[in-house]
Amino acid sequence: MTDTVEYLLILAISVALTIAVGRLLLLAGNPFLQEVFRDQKVTRSVNRLLNVLFYLVTLGVLAIISGIDFDLGDSVQTIVVKIGVVLLVLGIAYGISMLVLIRIRERRRASQISEKVDEMLAARSAPARPAPQQMPAPDQSGTEPPAPSARPTQTQR
């Protein structure tokens, strides 16, 4: 098998595998992002942007890998080794993409929990604290007003 045929075969297999994994990532990422954004348009948009990023990075790395010469003597062995490298790159890219999606979802959940805790604390603390009573201000002479007595005065009866 000539080098050109081998190169084109590896490239075709790599692109086909990348498209298959990218499609899977698009479908698998949608529920994660839907939970985070709760808006179908935003979810779809972010998912497509992440998918494009996956394709660009993965295809770029695969283009570089396809140019590396693995001289194993037999062209079939060389093709198998290159496809193995392609699969490893795709697996790593897919794993990183899923970790990013999981991280986005975890941050959103943590934010929601924090908001709920703040709301609960605010609701608890509002009625529990009575308004502080104000003490009468000292009169102009600088002396304190007399403390209220425990017995009611004539006007209070």
C-alpha atoms as a PDB file:
ATOM      1  CA  MET A   1       0.000   0.000   0.000  1.00  0.00           C
ATOM      2  CA  THR A   2       1.389   3.423  -0.921  1.00  0.00           C
ATOM      3  CA  ASP A   3       1.890   6.190   1.584  1.00  0.00           C
ATOM      4  CA  THR A   4      -0.824   8.305  -0.037  1.00  0.00           C
ATOM      5  CA  VAL A   5      -3.435   5.560   0.147  1.00  0.00           C
ATOM      6  CA  GLU A   6      -2.466   4.832   3.737  1.00  0.00           C
ATOM      7  CA  TYR A   7      -2.665   8.527   4.637  1.00  0.00           C
ATOM      8  CA  LEU A   8      -6.097   8.939   2.999  1.00  0.00           C
ATOM      9  CA  LEU A   9      -7.404   5.790   4.668  1.00  0.00           C
ATOM     10  CA  ILE A  10      -6.281   6.953   8.110  1.00  0.00           C
ATOM     11  CA  LEU A  11      -7.733  10.411   7.445  1.00  0.00           C
ATOM     12  CA  ALA A  12     -11.101   8.990   6.334  1.00  0.00           C
ATOM     13  CA  ILE A  13     -11.357   6.672   9.331  1.00  0.00           C
ATOM     14  CA  SER A  14     -10.301   9.461  11.709  1.00  0.00           C
ATOM     15  CA  VAL A  15     -12.848  11.931  10.357  1.00  0.00           C
ATOM     16  CA  ALA A  16     -15.637   9.323  10.443  1.00  0.00           C
ATOM     17  CA  LEU A  17     -14.835   8.402  14.053  1.00  0.00           C
ATOM     18  CA  THR A  18     -14.593  12.063  15.048  1.00  0.00           C
ATOM     19  CA  ILE A  19     -17.995  12.827  13.538  1.00  0.00           C
ATOM     20  CA  ALA A  20     -19.543   9.810  15.301  1.00  0.00           C
ATOM     21  CA  VAL A  21     -18.088  10.793  18.688  1.00  0.00           C
ATOM     22  CA  GLY A  22     -18.994  14.453  18.159  1.00  0.00           C
ATOM     23  CA  ARG A  23     -22.588  13.501  17.392  1.00  0.00           C
ATOM     24  CA  LEU A  24     -22.703  11.384  20.532  1.00  0.00           C
ATOM     25  CA  LEU A  25     -21.311  14.274  22.552  1.00  0.00           C
ATOM     26  CA  LEU A  26     -23.962  16.594  21.108  1.00  0.00           C
ATOM     27  CA  LEU A  27     -26.735  14.218  22.153  1.00  0.00           C
ATOM     28  CA  ALA A  28     -25.268  13.334  25.552  1.00  0.00           C
ATOM     29  CA  GLY A  29     -24.456  16.940  26.458  1.00  0.00           C
ATOM     30  CA  ASN A  30     -27.967  18.245  25.879  1.00  0.00           C
ATOM     31  CA  PRO A  31     -29.515  16.958  29.158  1.00  0.00           C
ATOM     32  CA  PHE A  32     -26.607  18.340  31.192  1.00  0.00           C
ATOM     33  CA  LEU A  33     -26.909  21.777  29.658  1.00  0.00           C
ATOM     34  CA  GLN A  34     -30.726  21.756  29.803  1.00  0.00           C
ATOM     35  CA  GLU A  35     -30.504  21.251  33.549  1.00  0.00           C
ATOM     36  CA  VAL A  36     -28.074  24.152  33.853  1.00  0.00           C
ATOM     37  CA  PHE A  37     -29.655  26.747  31.582  1.00  0.00           C
ATOM     38  CA  ARG A  38     -33.351  25.746  31.676  1.00  0.00           C
ATOM     39  CA  ASP A  39     -33.841  27.521  28.344  1.00  0.00           C
ATOM     40  CA  GLN A  40     -33.950  25.362  25.225  1.00  0.00           C
ATOM     41  CA  LYS A  41     -32.494  28.032  22.917  1.00  0.00           C
ATOM     42  CA  VAL A  42     -29.544  28.753  25.205  1.00  0.00           C
ATOM     43  CA  THR A  43     -28.976  25.040  25.772  1.00  0.00           C
ATOM     44  CA  ARG A  44     -28.936  24.309  22.051  1.00  0.00           C
ATOM     45  CA  SER A  45     -26.612  27.234  21.345  1.00  0.00           C
ATOM     46  CA  VAL A  46     -24.069  26.373  24.057  1.00  0.00           C
ATOM     47  CA  ASN A  47     -24.162  22.708  23.076  1.00  0.00           C
ATOM     48  CA  ARG A  48     -23.414  23.549  19.441  1.00  0.00           C
ATOM     49  CA  LEU A  49     -20.569  25.861  20.430  1.00  0.00           C
ATOM     50  CA  LEU A  50     -19.023  23.151  22.604  1.00  0.00           C
ATOM     51  CA  ASN A  51     -19.480  20.664  19.763  1.00  0.00           C
ATOM     52  CA  VAL A  52     -17.689  22.946  17.299  1.00  0.00           C
ATOM     53  CA  LEU A  53     -14.860  23.347  19.806  1.00  0.00           C
ATOM     54  CA  PHE A  54     -14.629  19.559  20.107  1.00  0.00           C
ATOM     55  CA  TYR A  55     -14.441  19.156  16.329  1.00  0.00           C
ATOM     56  CA  LEU A  56     -11.833  21.873  15.844  1.00  0.00           C
ATOM     57  CA  VAL A  57      -9.504  20.638  18.559  1.00  0.00           C
ATOM     58  CA  THR A  58      -9.900  16.960  17.756  1.00  0.00           C
ATOM     59  CA  LEU A  59      -9.561  17.299  13.988  1.00  0.00           C
ATOM     60  CA  GLY A  60      -6.545  19.569  14.455  1.00  0.00           C
ATOM     61  CA  VAL A  61      -4.798  17.045  16.669  1.00  0.00           C
ATOM     62  CA  LEU A  62      -5.724  14.216  14.306  1.00  0.00           C
ATOM     63  CA  ALA A  63      -4.329  16.144  11.335  1.00  0.00           C
ATOM     64  CA  ILE A  64      -1.039  16.501  13.179  1.00  0.00           C
ATOM     65  CA  ILE A  65      -1.024  12.831  14.193  1.00  0.00           C
ATOM     66  CA  SER A  66      -1.782  11.658  10.664  1.00  0.00           C
ATOM     67  CA  GLY A  67       1.446  13.298   9.487  1.00  0.00           C
ATOM     68  CA  ILE A  68       3.602  11.406  11.992  1.00  0.00           C
ATOM     69  CA  ASP A  69       5.347   8.445  10.424  1.00  0.00           C
ATOM     70  CA  PHE A  70       5.140   5.210  12.384  1.00  0.00           C
ATOM     71  CA  ASP A  71       7.441   2.889  10.491  1.00  0.00           C
ATOM     72  CA  LEU A  72       6.464  -0.554  11.704  1.00  0.00           C
ATOM     73  CA  GLY A  73       7.416  -2.318   8.500  1.00  0.00           C
ATOM     74  CA  ASP A  74       3.963  -3.581   7.638  1.00  0.00           C
ATOM     75  CA  SER A  75       1.399  -1.063   6.338  1.00  0.00           C
ATOM     76  CA  VAL A  76      -1.489  -2.860   8.075  1.00  0.00           C
ATOM     77  CA  GLN A  77       0.284  -2.577  11.442  1.00  0.00           C
ATOM     78  CA  THR A  78       0.974   1.089  10.783  1.00  0.00           C
ATOM     79  CA  ILE A  79      -2.707   1.737  10.023  1.00  0.00           C
ATOM     80  CA  VAL A  80      -3.805  -0.127  13.159  1.00  0.00           C
ATOM     81  CA  VAL A  81      -1.368   1.830  15.353  1.00  0.00           C
ATOM     82  CA  LYS A  82      -2.503   5.165  13.861  1.00  0.00           C
ATOM     83  CA  ILE A  83      -6.159   4.245  14.375  1.00  0.00           C
ATOM     84  CA  GLY A  84      -5.290   3.317  17.965  1.00  0.00           C
ATOM     85  CA  VAL A  85      -3.761   6.748  18.485  1.00  0.00           C
ATOM     86  CA  VAL A  86      -6.850   8.328  16.905  1.00  0.00           C
ATOM     87  CA  LEU A  87      -9.115   6.401  19.279  1.00  0.00           C
ATOM     88  CA  LEU A  88      -7.035   7.453  22.286  1.00  0.00           C
ATOM     89  CA  VAL A  89      -7.191  11.107  21.236  1.00  0.00           C
ATOM     90  CA  LEU A  90     -10.957  10.868  20.699  1.00  0.00           C
ATOM     91  CA  GLY A  91     -11.429   9.174  24.075  1.00  0.00           C
ATOM     92  CA  ILE A  92      -9.433  11.856  25.861  1.00  0.00           C
ATOM     93  CA  ALA A  93     -11.266  14.662  24.041  1.00  0.00           C
ATOM     94  CA  TYR A  94     -14.636  13.081  24.804  1.00  0.00           C
ATOM     95  CA  GLY A  95     -13.719  12.580  28.459  1.00  0.00           C
ATOM     96  CA  ILE A  96     -12.586  16.183  28.831  1.00  0.00           C
ATOM     97  CA  SER A  97     -15.772  17.414  27.162  1.00  0.00           C
ATOM     98  CA  MET A  98     -17.950  15.380  29.510  1.00  0.00           C
ATOM     99  CA  LEU A  99     -15.969  16.596  32.527  1.00  0.00           C
ATOM    100  CA  VAL A 100     -16.564  20.185  31.406  1.00  0.00           C
ATOM    101  CA  LEU A 101     -20.298  19.521  31.119  1.00  0.00           C
ATOM    102  CA  ILE A 102     -20.397  17.877  34.545  1.00  0.00           C
ATOM    103  CA  ARG A 103     -18.437  20.766  36.054  1.00  0.00           C
ATOM    104  CA  ILE A 104     -20.857  23.300  34.574  1.00  0.00           C
ATOM    105  CA  ARG A 105     -23.786  21.371  36.050  1.00  0.00           C
ATOM    106  CA  GLU A 106     -22.135  21.076  39.485  1.00  0.00           C
ATOM    107  CA  ARG A 107     -21.441  24.811  39.638  1.00  0.00           C
ATOM    108  CA  ARG A 108     -25.042  25.576  38.752  1.00  0.00           C
ATOM    109  CA  ARG A 109     -26.325  23.171  41.413  1.00  0.00           C
ATOM    110  CA  ALA A 110     -24.004  24.678  44.032  1.00  0.00           C
ATOM    111  CA  SER A 111     -25.240  28.139  43.110  1.00  0.00           C
ATOM    112  CA  GLN A 112     -28.870  27.048  43.413  1.00  0.00           C
ATOM    113  CA  ILE A 113     -28.249  25.418  46.792  1.00  0.00           C
ATOM    114  CA  SER A 114     -26.478  28.551  48.017  1.00  0.00           C
ATOM    115  CA  GLU A 115     -29.413  30.717  46.917  1.00  0.00           C
ATOM    116  CA  LYS A 116     -31.907  28.433  48.706  1.00  0.00           C
ATOM    117  CA  VAL A 117     -29.843  28.445  51.908  1.00  0.00           C
ATOM    118  CA  ASP A 118     -29.620  32.245  51.810  1.00  0.00           C
ATOM    119  CA  GLU A 119     -33.391  32.499  51.321  1.00  0.00           C
ATOM    120  CA  MET A 120     -34.059  30.098  54.209  1.00  0.00           C
ATOM    121  CA  LEU A 121     -31.703  31.962  56.514  1.00  0.00           C
ATOM    122  CA  ALA A 122     -33.277  35.268  55.592  1.00  0.00           C
ATOM    123  CA  ALA A 123     -36.769  33.888  56.233  1.00  0.00           C
ATOM    124  CA  ARG A 124     -35.711  32.458  59.590  1.00  0.00           C
ATOM    125  CA  SER A 125     -33.948  35.543  60.870  1.00  0.00           C
ATOM    126  CA  ALA A 126     -36.589  38.117  59.918  1.00  0.00           C
ATOM    127  CA  PRO A 127     -39.338  37.317  62.509  1.00  0.00           C
ATOM    128  CA  ALA A 128     -36.996  35.978  65.186  1.00  0.00           C
ATOM    129  CA  ARG A 129     -35.462  39.337  66.069  1.00  0.00           C
ATOM    130  CA  PRO A 130     -37.758  41.779  67.849  1.00  0.00           C
ATOM    131  CA  ALA A 131     -37.144  45.450  67.346  1.00  0.00           C
ATOM    132  CA  PRO A 132     -34.789  46.808  70.028  1.00  0.00           C
ATOM    133  CA  GLN A 133     -36.381  49.155  72.586  1.00  0.00           C
ATOM    134  CA  GLN A 134     -34.942  52.614  72.666  1.00  0.00           C
ATOM    135  CA  MET A 135     -33.887  54.126  75.931  1.00  0.00           C
ATOM    136  CA  PRO A 136     -34.950  57.693  76.581  1.00  0.00           C
ATOM    137  CA  ALA A 137     -32.280  60.220  75.804  1.00  0.00           C
ATOM    138  CA  PRO A 138     -30.562  62.016  78.689  1.00  0.00           C
ATOM    139  CA  ASP A 139     -32.026  65.418  79.465  1.00  0.00           C
ATOM    140  CA  GLN A 140     -30.123  68.594  78.789  1.00  0.00           C
ATOM    141  CA  SER A 141     -28.578  68.693  82.229  1.00  0.00           C
ATOM    142  CA  GLY A 142     -26.550  65.604  81.455  1.00  0.00           C
ATOM    143  CA  THR A 143     -28.280  63.439  84.016  1.00  0.00           C
ATOM    144  CA  GLU A 144     -30.036  60.261  83.110  1.00  0.00           C
ATOM    145  CA  PRO A 145     -33.823  60.148  83.360  1.00  0.00           C
ATOM    146  CA  PRO A 146     -35.119  58.076  86.262  1.00  0.00           C
ATOM    147  CA  ALA A 147     -35.495  54.364  85.633  1.00  0.00           C
ATOM    148  CA  PRO A 148     -39.096  53.223  85.250  1.00  0.00           C
ATOM    149  CA  SER A 149     -40.438  51.736  88.451  1.00  0.00           C
ATOM    150  CA  ALA A 150     -42.100  48.396  88.732  1.00  0.00           C
ATOM    151  CA  ARG A 151     -45.194  49.947  90.347  1.00  0.00           C
ATOM    152  CA  PRO A 152     -47.699  51.697  88.164  1.00  0.00           C
ATOM    153  CA  THR A 153     -48.068  55.379  88.792  1.00  0.00           C
ATOM    154  CA  GLN A 154     -51.329  57.198  89.342  1.00  0.00           C
ATOM    155  CA  THR A 155     -51.693  58.025  85.640  1.00  0.00           C
ATOM    156  CA  GLN A 156     -51.040  54.451  84.509  1.00  0.00           C
ATOM    157  CA  ARG A 157     -53.903  53.003  86.641  1.00  0.00           C
END
